[in-house]
Amino acid sequence: MRDSKKNAEQSCWTSPDARAAPDTGASRDAKREAKRRAVLQAGARLFNDHGYEQTSLEDIAAALNITKRTIYYYVQSKEDILFGCHLLGLEFLGETMRQSQKDTLPVVDRIALLIRGYCAWVSTDLGATIAMVREHSLSPARRQALRASKAEVDFHLRSLIKQGVAEGSLRPCDPRLVAAAVFGALNWIPHWNRVENPVPQEEIAEQYLQLVFAGVVVPPG
């Protein structure tokens, strides 16, 4: 699995189709963005596997079969890569947030959407960086921006729980504590599941949902 990810990261640097594409301004921007994302993906994988402090720009360049000098065309520093990983991962999580905000769905379904989406996200290399790389590796301004994004997700789940309690579909509980328990469990996934034969994230999500809902959902009837 990891070899296939590495090959995918390298492909954008060597693809004959990419080299043959018309060299328009739009295509140049698309190629540059694809290569920047490949740098972020490679960085995320190495940060998670070996640690942020132990991973150098030379290591990331070697993983992509390029030079360290080439990397500077896409990022300015290793911290840029880490912060870029967080931002790119949060793009994916943002779509999950939007889906779980549909007020036409029952609250329990919206909570399930959020938990499944978060589980899928934190099981990726990009999502795992937030759980596995400590915030102090970022500058204060970037650390504050990351915390604000994480808080938005936390407050969204708290809001859904509060709404469920108010309408009677969830048992009375402290939304802050329930959200903390949920995200604590989800954020620990990459710490124990980055193994040779990982548990599928869909299976993890279903097991976690059963545990959470057994404790807070009011049985029908």
N, C-alpha and C. Protein backbone atom coordinates (compact mmCIF):
# COMPACT_ATOMS: atom_id res chain seq x y z
N MET A 1 0.83 -1.21 0.00
CA MET A 1 0.00 0.00 0.00
C MET A 1 0.86 1.25 0.00
N ARG A 2 1.88 1.29 0.88
CA ARG A 2 2.71 2.48 0.95
C ARG A 2 3.57 2.62 -0.30
N ASP A 3 4.01 1.49 -0.89
CA ASP A 3 4.76 1.59 -2.13
C ASP A 3 3.92 2.18 -3.23
N SER A 4 2.64 1.80 -3.30
CA SER A 4 1.76 2.34 -4.34
C SER A 4 1.55 3.83 -4.14
N LYS A 5 1.45 4.28 -2.86
CA LYS A 5 1.32 5.72 -2.60
C LYS A 5 2.57 6.45 -3.05
N LYS A 6 3.73 5.85 -2.77
CA LYS A 6 4.98 6.49 -3.16
C LYS A 6 5.08 6.58 -4.67
N ASN A 7 4.68 5.54 -5.38
CA ASN A 7 4.71 5.56 -6.83
C ASN A 7 3.79 6.63 -7.39
N ALA A 8 2.61 6.79 -6.75
CA ALA A 8 1.66 7.81 -7.20
C ALA A 8 2.24 9.20 -7.00
N GLU A 9 2.95 9.41 -5.88
CA GLU A 9 3.57 10.70 -5.62
C GLU A 9 4.63 11.01 -6.67
N GLN A 10 5.40 9.98 -7.05
CA GLN A 10 6.48 10.20 -8.01
C GLN A 10 5.96 10.40 -9.42
N SER A 11 4.77 9.85 -9.74
CA SER A 11 4.30 9.82 -11.12
C SER A 11 4.13 11.20 -11.72
N CYS A 12 3.72 12.19 -10.91
CA CYS A 12 3.48 13.52 -11.47
C CYS A 12 4.77 14.19 -11.92
N TRP A 13 5.93 13.67 -11.45
CA TRP A 13 7.22 14.25 -11.87
C TRP A 13 7.72 13.60 -13.16
N THR A 14 7.17 12.40 -13.47
CA THR A 14 7.73 11.63 -14.57
C THR A 14 6.73 11.25 -15.64
N SER A 15 5.46 11.63 -15.48
CA SER A 15 4.41 11.20 -16.40
C SER A 15 4.65 11.71 -17.82
N PRO A 16 4.75 10.82 -18.83
CA PRO A 16 4.91 11.25 -20.21
C PRO A 16 3.72 12.09 -20.66
N ASP A 17 2.50 11.75 -20.21
CA ASP A 17 1.32 12.51 -20.60
C ASP A 17 1.42 13.95 -20.12
N ALA A 18 1.93 14.12 -18.91
CA ALA A 18 2.07 15.47 -18.37
C ALA A 18 3.06 16.27 -19.19
N ARG A 19 4.16 15.63 -19.61
CA ARG A 19 5.16 16.33 -20.40
C ARG A 19 4.62 16.69 -21.78
N ALA A 20 3.70 15.88 -22.31
CA ALA A 20 3.18 16.10 -23.65
C ALA A 20 2.04 17.10 -23.70
N ALA A 21 1.48 17.48 -22.55
CA ALA A 21 0.33 18.37 -22.52
C ALA A 21 0.71 19.75 -23.04
N PRO A 22 -0.22 20.45 -23.70
CA PRO A 22 0.05 21.81 -24.18
C PRO A 22 0.50 22.71 -23.03
N ASP A 23 1.53 23.51 -23.28
CA ASP A 23 2.13 24.30 -22.21
C ASP A 23 1.42 25.65 -22.07
N THR A 24 0.14 25.61 -21.73
CA THR A 24 -0.62 26.83 -21.49
C THR A 24 -0.41 27.28 -20.06
N GLY A 25 -0.83 28.53 -19.77
CA GLY A 25 -0.71 29.02 -18.41
C GLY A 25 -1.47 28.17 -17.43
N ALA A 26 -2.68 27.75 -17.83
CA ALA A 26 -3.51 26.92 -16.95
C ALA A 26 -2.86 25.57 -16.71
N SER A 27 -2.29 24.98 -17.78
CA SER A 27 -1.67 23.66 -17.61
C SER A 27 -0.42 23.76 -16.75
N ARG A 28 0.33 24.87 -16.88
CA ARG A 28 1.51 25.04 -16.03
C ARG A 28 1.11 25.15 -14.57
N ASP A 29 0.04 25.91 -14.30
CA ASP A 29 -0.44 26.04 -12.92
C ASP A 29 -0.90 24.70 -12.37
N ALA A 30 -1.60 23.92 -13.21
CA ALA A 30 -2.09 22.61 -12.78
C ALA A 30 -0.93 21.66 -12.48
N LYS A 31 0.09 21.69 -13.34
CA LYS A 31 1.26 20.83 -13.12
C LYS A 31 1.98 21.23 -11.83
N ARG A 32 2.13 22.54 -11.65
CA ARG A 32 2.83 23.00 -10.44
C ARG A 32 2.06 22.60 -9.19
N GLU A 33 0.72 22.73 -9.21
CA GLU A 33 -0.08 22.36 -8.06
C GLU A 33 0.00 20.86 -7.80
N ALA A 34 -0.01 20.06 -8.88
CA ALA A 34 0.10 18.61 -8.71
C ALA A 34 1.43 18.24 -8.07
N LYS A 35 2.49 18.92 -8.47
CA LYS A 35 3.80 18.62 -7.90
C LYS A 35 3.90 19.12 -6.46
N ARG A 36 3.30 20.27 -6.19
CA ARG A 36 3.28 20.76 -4.80
C ARG A 36 2.56 19.77 -3.90
N ARG A 37 1.43 19.26 -4.38
CA ARG A 37 0.68 18.29 -3.58
C ARG A 37 1.47 17.00 -3.40
N ALA A 38 2.25 16.62 -4.41
CA ALA A 38 3.08 15.43 -4.28
C ALA A 38 4.13 15.62 -3.19
N VAL A 39 4.68 16.84 -3.10
CA VAL A 39 5.64 17.16 -2.03
C VAL A 39 4.95 17.03 -0.67
N LEU A 40 3.73 17.58 -0.57
CA LEU A 40 3.00 17.51 0.70
C LEU A 40 2.67 16.06 1.07
N GLN A 41 2.22 15.28 0.10
CA GLN A 41 1.89 13.87 0.36
C GLN A 41 3.12 13.10 0.84
N ALA A 42 4.24 13.31 0.15
CA ALA A 42 5.47 12.61 0.55
C ALA A 42 5.91 13.05 1.94
N GLY A 43 5.81 14.36 2.20
CA GLY A 43 6.17 14.86 3.52
C GLY A 43 5.29 14.28 4.60
N ALA A 44 3.99 14.25 4.36
CA ALA A 44 3.06 13.70 5.35
C ALA A 44 3.39 12.25 5.67
N ARG A 45 3.64 11.47 4.63
CA ARG A 45 3.93 10.04 4.84
C ARG A 45 5.19 9.86 5.68
N LEU A 46 6.23 10.64 5.37
CA LEU A 46 7.49 10.50 6.10
C LEU A 46 7.38 11.07 7.51
N PHE A 47 6.66 12.18 7.68
CA PHE A 47 6.47 12.73 9.03
C PHE A 47 5.78 11.70 9.93
N ASN A 48 4.75 11.05 9.39
CA ASN A 48 3.99 10.09 10.18
C ASN A 48 4.78 8.82 10.46
N ASP A 49 5.58 8.39 9.49
CA ASP A 49 6.32 7.13 9.65
C ASP A 49 7.57 7.29 10.50
N HIS A 50 8.24 8.44 10.38
CA HIS A 50 9.55 8.60 11.02
C HIS A 50 9.62 9.74 12.03
N GLY A 51 8.61 10.60 12.05
CA GLY A 51 8.63 11.76 12.95
C GLY A 51 9.02 13.02 12.20
N TYR A 52 8.42 14.12 12.60
CA TYR A 52 8.68 15.39 11.93
C TYR A 52 10.13 15.83 12.10
N GLU A 53 10.62 15.79 13.34
CA GLU A 53 11.98 16.23 13.61
C GLU A 53 13.02 15.36 12.92
N GLN A 54 12.71 14.07 12.76
CA GLN A 54 13.67 13.15 12.17
C GLN A 54 13.66 13.17 10.63
N THR A 55 12.68 13.85 10.04
CA THR A 55 12.55 13.90 8.58
C THR A 55 13.13 15.20 8.05
N SER A 56 14.00 15.11 7.07
CA SER A 56 14.62 16.29 6.47
C SER A 56 14.05 16.54 5.08
N LEU A 57 14.31 17.73 4.55
CA LEU A 57 13.92 18.02 3.17
C LEU A 57 14.63 17.08 2.20
N GLU A 58 15.85 16.69 2.56
CA GLU A 58 16.58 15.73 1.71
C GLU A 58 15.84 14.40 1.65
N ASP A 59 15.27 13.96 2.78
CA ASP A 59 14.50 12.71 2.81
C ASP A 59 13.28 12.80 1.89
N ILE A 60 12.59 13.94 1.95
CA ILE A 60 11.39 14.12 1.13
C ILE A 60 11.77 14.17 -0.34
N ALA A 61 12.86 14.86 -0.66
CA ALA A 61 13.32 14.92 -2.04
C ALA A 61 13.69 13.52 -2.54
N ALA A 62 14.37 12.75 -1.70
CA ALA A 62 14.77 11.40 -2.10
C ALA A 62 13.55 10.52 -2.35
N ALA A 63 12.50 10.70 -1.55
CA ALA A 63 11.29 9.90 -1.74
C ALA A 63 10.64 10.18 -3.08
N LEU A 64 10.86 11.38 -3.61
CA LEU A 64 10.27 11.78 -4.89
C LEU A 64 11.25 11.66 -6.05
N ASN A 65 12.49 11.25 -5.73
CA ASN A 65 13.54 11.16 -6.75
C ASN A 65 13.82 12.51 -7.41
N ILE A 66 13.83 13.56 -6.59
CA ILE A 66 14.18 14.89 -7.07
C ILE A 66 15.25 15.46 -6.14
N THR A 67 15.72 16.65 -6.46
CA THR A 67 16.73 17.28 -5.61
C THR A 67 16.08 18.18 -4.58
N LYS A 68 16.80 18.44 -3.51
CA LYS A 68 16.31 19.36 -2.49
C LYS A 68 16.07 20.74 -3.09
N ARG A 69 16.90 21.14 -4.02
CA ARG A 69 16.75 22.44 -4.67
C ARG A 69 15.40 22.54 -5.39
N THR A 70 14.96 21.44 -5.99
CA THR A 70 13.68 21.43 -6.71
C THR A 70 12.52 21.68 -5.75
N ILE A 71 12.62 21.12 -4.55
CA ILE A 71 11.54 21.28 -3.57
C ILE A 71 11.29 22.76 -3.26
N TYR A 72 12.35 23.57 -3.24
CA TYR A 72 12.20 24.98 -2.89
C TYR A 72 11.39 25.76 -3.92
N TYR A 73 11.15 25.17 -5.08
CA TYR A 73 10.28 25.82 -6.05
C TYR A 73 8.82 25.74 -5.62
N TYR A 74 8.51 24.79 -4.73
CA TYR A 74 7.12 24.55 -4.33
C TYR A 74 6.84 24.93 -2.88
N VAL A 75 7.83 24.87 -2.02
CA VAL A 75 7.67 25.25 -0.61
C VAL A 75 8.94 25.96 -0.17
N GLN A 76 8.83 26.70 0.94
CA GLN A 76 9.98 27.45 1.43
C GLN A 76 10.73 26.73 2.55
N SER A 77 10.05 25.81 3.23
CA SER A 77 10.67 25.16 4.37
C SER A 77 9.93 23.87 4.71
N LYS A 78 10.49 23.13 5.63
CA LYS A 78 9.81 21.92 6.10
C LYS A 78 8.51 22.28 6.83
N GLU A 79 8.52 23.40 7.55
CA GLU A 79 7.29 23.83 8.22
C GLU A 79 6.20 24.15 7.20
N ASP A 80 6.58 24.71 6.06
CA ASP A 80 5.61 24.97 4.98
C ASP A 80 4.94 23.66 4.55
N ILE A 81 5.72 22.60 4.48
CA ILE A 81 5.16 21.31 4.08
C ILE A 81 4.17 20.83 5.13
N LEU A 82 4.56 20.92 6.40
CA LEU A 82 3.66 20.46 7.47
C LEU A 82 2.37 21.26 7.48
N PHE A 83 2.47 22.57 7.40
CA PHE A 83 1.26 23.40 7.41
C PHE A 83 0.43 23.15 6.16
N GLY A 84 1.09 22.97 5.03
CA GLY A 84 0.37 22.65 3.80
C GLY A 84 -0.36 21.33 3.90
N CYS A 85 0.25 20.36 4.58
CA CYS A 85 -0.41 19.06 4.81
C CYS A 85 -1.70 19.28 5.59
N HIS A 86 -1.62 20.09 6.64
CA HIS A 86 -2.80 20.36 7.45
C HIS A 86 -3.90 21.03 6.63
N LEU A 87 -3.53 22.04 5.85
CA LEU A 87 -4.53 22.76 5.07
C LEU A 87 -5.17 21.87 4.01
N LEU A 88 -4.35 21.05 3.35
CA LEU A 88 -4.88 20.17 2.32
C LEU A 88 -5.79 19.11 2.93
N GLY A 89 -5.38 18.59 4.08
CA GLY A 89 -6.22 17.61 4.76
C GLY A 89 -7.54 18.22 5.22
N LEU A 90 -7.49 19.46 5.68
CA LEU A 90 -8.70 20.13 6.15
C LEU A 90 -9.68 20.42 5.01
N GLU A 91 -9.17 20.52 3.77
CA GLU A 91 -10.07 20.66 2.62
C GLU A 91 -11.01 19.46 2.53
N PHE A 92 -10.44 18.28 2.70
CA PHE A 92 -11.23 17.05 2.67
C PHE A 92 -12.22 17.04 3.82
N LEU A 93 -11.78 17.41 5.00
CA LEU A 93 -12.66 17.41 6.16
C LEU A 93 -13.76 18.45 6.01
N GLY A 94 -13.46 19.54 5.30
CA GLY A 94 -14.46 20.57 5.08
C GLY A 94 -15.67 20.05 4.33
N GLU A 95 -15.46 19.15 3.39
CA GLU A 95 -16.58 18.57 2.66
C GLU A 95 -17.44 17.72 3.59
N THR A 96 -16.81 16.98 4.49
CA THR A 96 -17.56 16.21 5.49
C THR A 96 -18.38 17.13 6.38
N MET A 97 -17.78 18.26 6.76
CA MET A 97 -18.50 19.24 7.59
C MET A 97 -19.74 19.74 6.86
N ARG A 98 -19.60 20.04 5.59
CA ARG A 98 -20.75 20.56 4.82
C ARG A 98 -21.86 19.52 4.73
N GLN A 99 -21.50 18.26 4.51
CA GLN A 99 -22.51 17.21 4.41
C GLN A 99 -23.25 17.04 5.74
N SER A 100 -22.53 17.15 6.84
CA SER A 100 -23.15 16.92 8.15
C SER A 100 -23.95 18.14 8.63
N GLN A 101 -23.94 19.21 7.86
CA GLN A 101 -24.71 20.39 8.23
C GLN A 101 -26.09 20.42 7.57
N LYS A 102 -26.42 19.42 6.78
CA LYS A 102 -27.72 19.39 6.10
C LYS A 102 -28.83 19.17 7.12
N ASP A 103 -29.62 20.21 7.36
CA ASP A 103 -30.65 20.10 8.40
C ASP A 103 -31.87 19.29 7.95
N THR A 104 -31.83 18.78 6.71
CA THR A 104 -32.91 17.89 6.27
C THR A 104 -32.69 16.47 6.78
N LEU A 105 -31.50 16.19 7.30
CA LEU A 105 -31.18 14.87 7.83
C LEU A 105 -31.39 14.84 9.34
N PRO A 106 -31.77 13.69 9.90
CA PRO A 106 -31.86 13.57 11.36
C PRO A 106 -30.49 13.83 12.01
N VAL A 107 -30.51 14.33 13.21
CA VAL A 107 -29.27 14.66 13.90
C VAL A 107 -28.36 13.45 14.03
N VAL A 108 -28.93 12.30 14.35
CA VAL A 108 -28.10 11.10 14.50
C VAL A 108 -27.38 10.76 13.20
N ASP A 109 -28.04 10.92 12.07
CA ASP A 109 -27.41 10.66 10.78
C ASP A 109 -26.31 11.67 10.49
N ARG A 110 -26.52 12.89 10.90
CA ARG A 110 -25.51 13.93 10.68
C ARG A 110 -24.27 13.66 11.54
N ILE A 111 -24.48 13.20 12.77
CA ILE A 111 -23.35 12.83 13.62
C ILE A 111 -22.60 11.65 13.01
N ALA A 112 -23.35 10.68 12.49
CA ALA A 112 -22.71 9.52 11.86
C ALA A 112 -21.89 9.94 10.65
N LEU A 113 -22.42 10.86 9.85
CA LEU A 113 -21.67 11.37 8.69
C LEU A 113 -20.36 12.01 9.13
N LEU A 114 -20.42 12.82 10.19
CA LEU A 114 -19.23 13.50 10.67
C LEU A 114 -18.19 12.51 11.18
N ILE A 115 -18.63 11.53 11.96
CA ILE A 115 -17.69 10.56 12.52
C ILE A 115 -17.09 9.69 11.43
N ARG A 116 -17.90 9.23 10.48
CA ARG A 116 -17.36 8.42 9.37
C ARG A 116 -16.36 9.23 8.55
N GLY A 117 -16.73 10.48 8.25
CA GLY A 117 -15.83 11.32 7.45
C GLY A 117 -14.53 11.61 8.17
N TYR A 118 -14.62 11.90 9.46
CA TYR A 118 -13.41 12.19 10.23
C TYR A 118 -12.52 10.94 10.31
N CYS A 119 -13.15 9.78 10.48
CA CYS A 119 -12.39 8.53 10.54
C CYS A 119 -11.66 8.29 9.22
N ALA A 120 -12.34 8.53 8.11
CA ALA A 120 -11.71 8.36 6.80
C ALA A 120 -10.56 9.34 6.63
N TRP A 121 -10.76 10.57 7.09
CA TRP A 121 -9.75 11.62 6.94
C TRP A 121 -8.51 11.33 7.78
N VAL A 122 -8.70 10.98 9.05
CA VAL A 122 -7.56 10.77 9.93
C VAL A 122 -6.81 9.48 9.56
N SER A 123 -7.42 8.64 8.72
CA SER A 123 -6.77 7.42 8.27
C SER A 123 -5.89 7.65 7.04
N THR A 124 -5.92 8.88 6.50
CA THR A 124 -5.04 9.22 5.38
C THR A 124 -3.74 9.81 5.92
N ASP A 125 -2.71 9.85 5.08
CA ASP A 125 -1.44 10.45 5.51
C ASP A 125 -1.63 11.91 5.89
N LEU A 126 -2.39 12.64 5.08
CA LEU A 126 -2.58 14.07 5.36
C LEU A 126 -3.35 14.28 6.66
N GLY A 127 -4.44 13.53 6.85
CA GLY A 127 -5.22 13.67 8.07
C GLY A 127 -4.45 13.25 9.30
N ALA A 128 -3.62 12.23 9.16
CA ALA A 128 -2.87 11.71 10.31
C ALA A 128 -1.85 12.70 10.84
N THR A 129 -1.38 13.62 9.99
CA THR A 129 -0.37 14.56 10.48
C THR A 129 -0.88 15.40 11.63
N ILE A 130 -2.17 15.75 11.61
CA ILE A 130 -2.70 16.56 12.71
C ILE A 130 -2.69 15.78 14.01
N ALA A 131 -2.94 14.48 13.92
CA ALA A 131 -2.97 13.64 15.12
C ALA A 131 -1.56 13.26 15.59
N MET A 132 -0.61 13.12 14.66
CA MET A 132 0.69 12.55 15.00
C MET A 132 1.81 13.56 15.15
N VAL A 133 1.68 14.73 14.52
CA VAL A 133 2.73 15.75 14.60
C VAL A 133 2.29 16.84 15.56
N ARG A 134 3.08 17.10 16.56
CA ARG A 134 2.70 18.05 17.60
C ARG A 134 2.67 19.49 17.08
N GLU A 135 1.73 20.26 17.63
CA GLU A 135 1.51 21.63 17.15
C GLU A 135 2.72 22.53 17.34
N HIS A 136 3.57 22.24 18.32
CA HIS A 136 4.69 23.15 18.59
C HIS A 136 5.68 23.19 17.44
N SER A 137 5.54 22.26 16.48
CA SER A 137 6.41 22.27 15.30
C SER A 137 6.08 23.43 14.36
N LEU A 138 4.92 24.07 14.58
CA LEU A 138 4.50 25.19 13.76
C LEU A 138 4.78 26.52 14.47
N SER A 139 4.86 27.59 13.68
CA SER A 139 5.01 28.92 14.26
C SER A 139 3.75 29.28 15.04
N PRO A 140 3.81 30.22 15.98
CA PRO A 140 2.63 30.59 16.77
C PRO A 140 1.42 30.96 15.92
N ALA A 141 1.62 31.73 14.85
CA ALA A 141 0.49 32.15 14.01
C ALA A 141 -0.16 30.95 13.33
N ARG A 142 0.65 30.06 12.81
CA ARG A 142 0.11 28.88 12.14
C ARG A 142 -0.51 27.92 13.15
N ARG A 143 0.08 27.84 14.33
CA ARG A 143 -0.49 27.00 15.38
C ARG A 143 -1.89 27.49 15.74
N GLN A 144 -2.04 28.80 15.84
CA GLN A 144 -3.34 29.37 16.18
C GLN A 144 -4.36 29.09 15.08
N ALA A 145 -3.94 29.19 13.81
CA ALA A 145 -4.85 28.92 12.69
C ALA A 145 -5.29 27.46 12.70
N LEU A 146 -4.36 26.56 12.99
CA LEU A 146 -4.69 25.14 13.04
C LEU A 146 -5.66 24.85 14.18
N ARG A 147 -5.41 25.44 15.33
CA ARG A 147 -6.29 25.22 16.48
C ARG A 147 -7.70 25.74 16.19
N ALA A 148 -7.78 26.86 15.48
CA ALA A 148 -9.09 27.41 15.14
C ALA A 148 -9.86 26.46 14.23
N SER A 149 -9.18 25.84 13.28
CA SER A 149 -9.84 24.90 12.38
C SER A 149 -10.29 23.65 13.13
N LYS A 150 -9.45 23.15 14.03
CA LYS A 150 -9.81 21.97 14.81
C LYS A 150 -10.98 22.29 15.75
N ALA A 151 -10.96 23.49 16.32
CA ALA A 151 -12.04 23.89 17.22
C ALA A 151 -13.36 23.96 16.48
N GLU A 152 -13.33 24.38 15.21
CA GLU A 152 -14.56 24.47 14.42
C GLU A 152 -15.23 23.10 14.29
N VAL A 153 -14.42 22.07 14.07
CA VAL A 153 -14.97 20.71 13.97
C VAL A 153 -15.52 20.26 15.32
N ASP A 154 -14.77 20.54 16.37
CA ASP A 154 -15.20 20.15 17.71
C ASP A 154 -16.52 20.82 18.09
N PHE A 155 -16.62 22.12 17.84
CA PHE A 155 -17.85 22.84 18.19
C PHE A 155 -19.03 22.39 17.33
N HIS A 156 -18.75 21.96 16.10
CA HIS A 156 -19.82 21.46 15.24
C HIS A 156 -20.42 20.19 15.82
N LEU A 157 -19.56 19.27 16.27
CA LEU A 157 -20.07 18.04 16.88
C LEU A 157 -20.81 18.35 18.17
N ARG A 158 -20.27 19.26 18.98
CA ARG A 158 -20.97 19.64 20.22
C ARG A 158 -22.36 20.19 19.90
N SER A 159 -22.44 21.01 18.84
CA SER A 159 -23.72 21.60 18.46
C SER A 159 -24.72 20.53 18.06
N LEU A 160 -24.26 19.54 17.30
CA LEU A 160 -25.16 18.45 16.90
C LEU A 160 -25.64 17.66 18.11
N ILE A 161 -24.74 17.39 19.04
CA ILE A 161 -25.11 16.65 20.25
C ILE A 161 -26.13 17.46 21.07
N LYS A 162 -25.85 18.74 21.21
CA LYS A 162 -26.77 19.61 21.96
C LYS A 162 -28.15 19.62 21.30
N GLN A 163 -28.17 19.67 19.98
CA GLN A 163 -29.45 19.66 19.26
C GLN A 163 -30.18 18.34 19.47
N GLY A 164 -29.42 17.23 19.44
CA GLY A 164 -30.03 15.92 19.64
C GLY A 164 -30.62 15.77 21.03
N VAL A 165 -29.93 16.31 22.04
CA VAL A 165 -30.45 16.26 23.41
C VAL A 165 -31.73 17.09 23.51
N ALA A 166 -31.71 18.27 22.88
CA ALA A 166 -32.87 19.16 22.96
C ALA A 166 -34.11 18.55 22.31
N GLU A 167 -33.93 17.83 21.23
CA GLU A 167 -35.08 17.24 20.54
C GLU A 167 -35.46 15.87 21.08
N GLY A 168 -34.62 15.31 21.97
CA GLY A 168 -34.95 14.04 22.61
C GLY A 168 -34.43 12.80 21.91
N SER A 169 -33.65 12.97 20.83
CA SER A 169 -33.09 11.79 20.15
C SER A 169 -31.81 11.29 20.82
N LEU A 170 -31.21 12.15 21.66
CA LEU A 170 -30.03 11.77 22.43
C LEU A 170 -30.30 11.95 23.91
N ARG A 171 -29.69 11.10 24.72
CA ARG A 171 -29.84 11.21 26.17
C ARG A 171 -29.17 12.49 26.66
N PRO A 172 -29.65 13.02 27.80
CA PRO A 172 -28.98 14.18 28.39
C PRO A 172 -27.51 13.86 28.66
N CYS A 173 -26.61 14.74 28.23
CA CYS A 173 -25.18 14.52 28.41
C CYS A 173 -24.46 15.86 28.25
N ASP A 174 -23.20 15.87 28.56
CA ASP A 174 -22.37 17.07 28.38
C ASP A 174 -21.75 16.98 26.98
N PRO A 175 -22.19 17.79 26.02
CA PRO A 175 -21.66 17.71 24.65
C PRO A 175 -20.15 17.85 24.58
N ARG A 176 -19.58 18.67 25.47
CA ARG A 176 -18.13 18.86 25.46
C ARG A 176 -17.40 17.56 25.77
N LEU A 177 -17.90 16.82 26.77
CA LEU A 177 -17.23 15.59 27.16
C LEU A 177 -17.42 14.49 26.11
N VAL A 178 -18.61 14.41 25.53
CA VAL A 178 -18.85 13.40 24.50
C VAL A 178 -17.98 13.68 23.28
N ALA A 179 -17.91 14.94 22.86
CA ALA A 179 -17.07 15.30 21.71
C ALA A 179 -15.60 15.00 21.99
N ALA A 180 -15.16 15.27 23.21
CA ALA A 180 -13.76 15.00 23.57
C ALA A 180 -13.47 13.51 23.50
N ALA A 181 -14.41 12.69 23.96
CA ALA A 181 -14.23 11.24 23.90
C ALA A 181 -14.18 10.75 22.46
N VAL A 182 -15.08 11.29 21.62
CA VAL A 182 -15.13 10.88 20.21
C VAL A 182 -13.84 11.23 19.50
N PHE A 183 -13.41 12.49 19.60
CA PHE A 183 -12.21 12.90 18.88
C PHE A 183 -10.95 12.30 19.48
N GLY A 184 -10.97 12.05 20.78
CA GLY A 184 -9.82 11.37 21.38
C GLY A 184 -9.63 9.99 20.78
N ALA A 185 -10.73 9.26 20.61
CA ALA A 185 -10.66 7.92 20.01
C ALA A 185 -10.25 8.00 18.54
N LEU A 186 -10.85 8.94 17.81
CA LEU A 186 -10.56 9.05 16.38
C LEU A 186 -9.12 9.49 16.13
N ASN A 187 -8.64 10.44 16.90
CA ASN A 187 -7.28 10.94 16.68
C ASN A 187 -6.21 9.92 17.07
N TRP A 188 -6.60 8.91 17.81
CA TRP A 188 -5.62 7.89 18.20
C TRP A 188 -5.47 6.81 17.12
N ILE A 189 -6.38 6.78 16.16
CA ILE A 189 -6.36 5.74 15.12
C ILE A 189 -5.01 5.63 14.42
N PRO A 190 -4.43 6.72 13.91
CA PRO A 190 -3.15 6.56 13.20
C PRO A 190 -2.01 6.12 14.08
N HIS A 191 -2.14 6.27 15.40
CA HIS A 191 -1.07 5.83 16.29
C HIS A 191 -1.00 4.30 16.38
N TRP A 192 -2.15 3.63 16.23
CA TRP A 192 -2.13 2.17 16.37
C TRP A 192 -2.45 1.44 15.07
N ASN A 193 -2.94 2.15 14.06
CA ASN A 193 -3.40 1.45 12.85
C ASN A 193 -2.49 1.63 11.65
N ARG A 194 -1.34 2.29 11.82
CA ARG A 194 -0.38 2.39 10.73
C ARG A 194 0.53 1.17 10.78
N VAL A 195 -0.03 0.05 10.38
CA VAL A 195 0.66 -1.24 10.44
C VAL A 195 0.57 -1.91 9.07
N GLU A 196 1.19 -3.07 8.95
CA GLU A 196 1.24 -3.77 7.66
C GLU A 196 -0.15 -4.12 7.16
N ASN A 197 -1.00 -4.60 8.06
CA ASN A 197 -2.37 -4.94 7.68
C ASN A 197 -3.35 -4.14 8.54
N PRO A 198 -3.58 -2.89 8.19
CA PRO A 198 -4.44 -2.03 9.02
C PRO A 198 -5.89 -2.46 8.97
N VAL A 199 -6.61 -2.16 10.04
CA VAL A 199 -8.05 -2.38 10.06
C VAL A 199 -8.68 -1.36 9.11
N PRO A 200 -9.55 -1.78 8.20
CA PRO A 200 -10.18 -0.83 7.27
C PRO A 200 -10.88 0.28 8.05
N GLN A 201 -10.73 1.52 7.56
CA GLN A 201 -11.30 2.64 8.30
C GLN A 201 -12.82 2.57 8.37
N GLU A 202 -13.46 1.94 7.35
CA GLU A 202 -14.91 1.79 7.40
C GLU A 202 -15.34 0.91 8.58
N GLU A 203 -14.56 -0.13 8.84
CA GLU A 203 -14.86 -1.03 9.96
C GLU A 203 -14.66 -0.31 11.30
N ILE A 204 -13.59 0.48 11.38
CA ILE A 204 -13.35 1.24 12.61
C ILE A 204 -14.50 2.20 12.87
N ALA A 205 -14.92 2.91 11.82
CA ALA A 205 -15.99 3.89 11.98
C ALA A 205 -17.27 3.22 12.47
N GLU A 206 -17.62 2.08 11.89
CA GLU A 206 -18.86 1.41 12.31
C GLU A 206 -18.78 0.95 13.76
N GLN A 207 -17.63 0.42 14.17
CA GLN A 207 -17.47 -0.03 15.56
C GLN A 207 -17.56 1.17 16.52
N TYR A 208 -16.92 2.27 16.16
CA TYR A 208 -16.95 3.45 17.02
C TYR A 208 -18.35 4.03 17.11
N LEU A 209 -19.06 4.03 15.97
CA LEU A 209 -20.43 4.54 15.98
C LEU A 209 -21.32 3.70 16.89
N GLN A 210 -21.14 2.39 16.84
CA GLN A 210 -21.93 1.53 17.72
C GLN A 210 -21.67 1.86 19.18
N LEU A 211 -20.40 2.07 19.53
CA LEU A 211 -20.06 2.39 20.91
C LEU A 211 -20.64 3.73 21.34
N VAL A 212 -20.48 4.74 20.48
CA VAL A 212 -20.97 6.07 20.83
C VAL A 212 -22.49 6.08 20.93
N PHE A 213 -23.15 5.54 19.92
CA PHE A 213 -24.62 5.59 19.89
C PHE A 213 -25.24 4.72 20.98
N ALA A 214 -24.56 3.63 21.36
CA ALA A 214 -25.08 2.81 22.46
C ALA A 214 -25.15 3.61 23.75
N GLY A 215 -24.29 4.59 23.86
CA GLY A 215 -24.26 5.38 25.09
C GLY A 215 -25.17 6.60 25.08
N VAL A 216 -25.43 7.17 23.89
CA VAL A 216 -26.15 8.45 23.88
C VAL A 216 -27.47 8.45 23.14
N VAL A 217 -27.67 7.51 22.21
CA VAL A 217 -28.91 7.55 21.42
C VAL A 217 -30.07 6.97 22.22
N VAL A 218 -31.20 7.65 22.21
CA VAL A 218 -32.42 7.16 22.87
C VAL A 218 -33.04 6.09 22.00
N PRO A 219 -33.26 4.87 22.52
CA PRO A 219 -33.85 3.79 21.70
C PRO A 219 -35.23 4.18 21.20
N PRO A 220 -35.60 3.73 19.98
CA PRO A 220 -36.93 4.06 19.46
C PRO A 220 -38.03 3.43 20.29
N GLY A 221 -39.18 4.11 20.34
CA GLY A 221 -40.34 3.57 21.06
C GLY A 221 -40.27 3.92 22.53
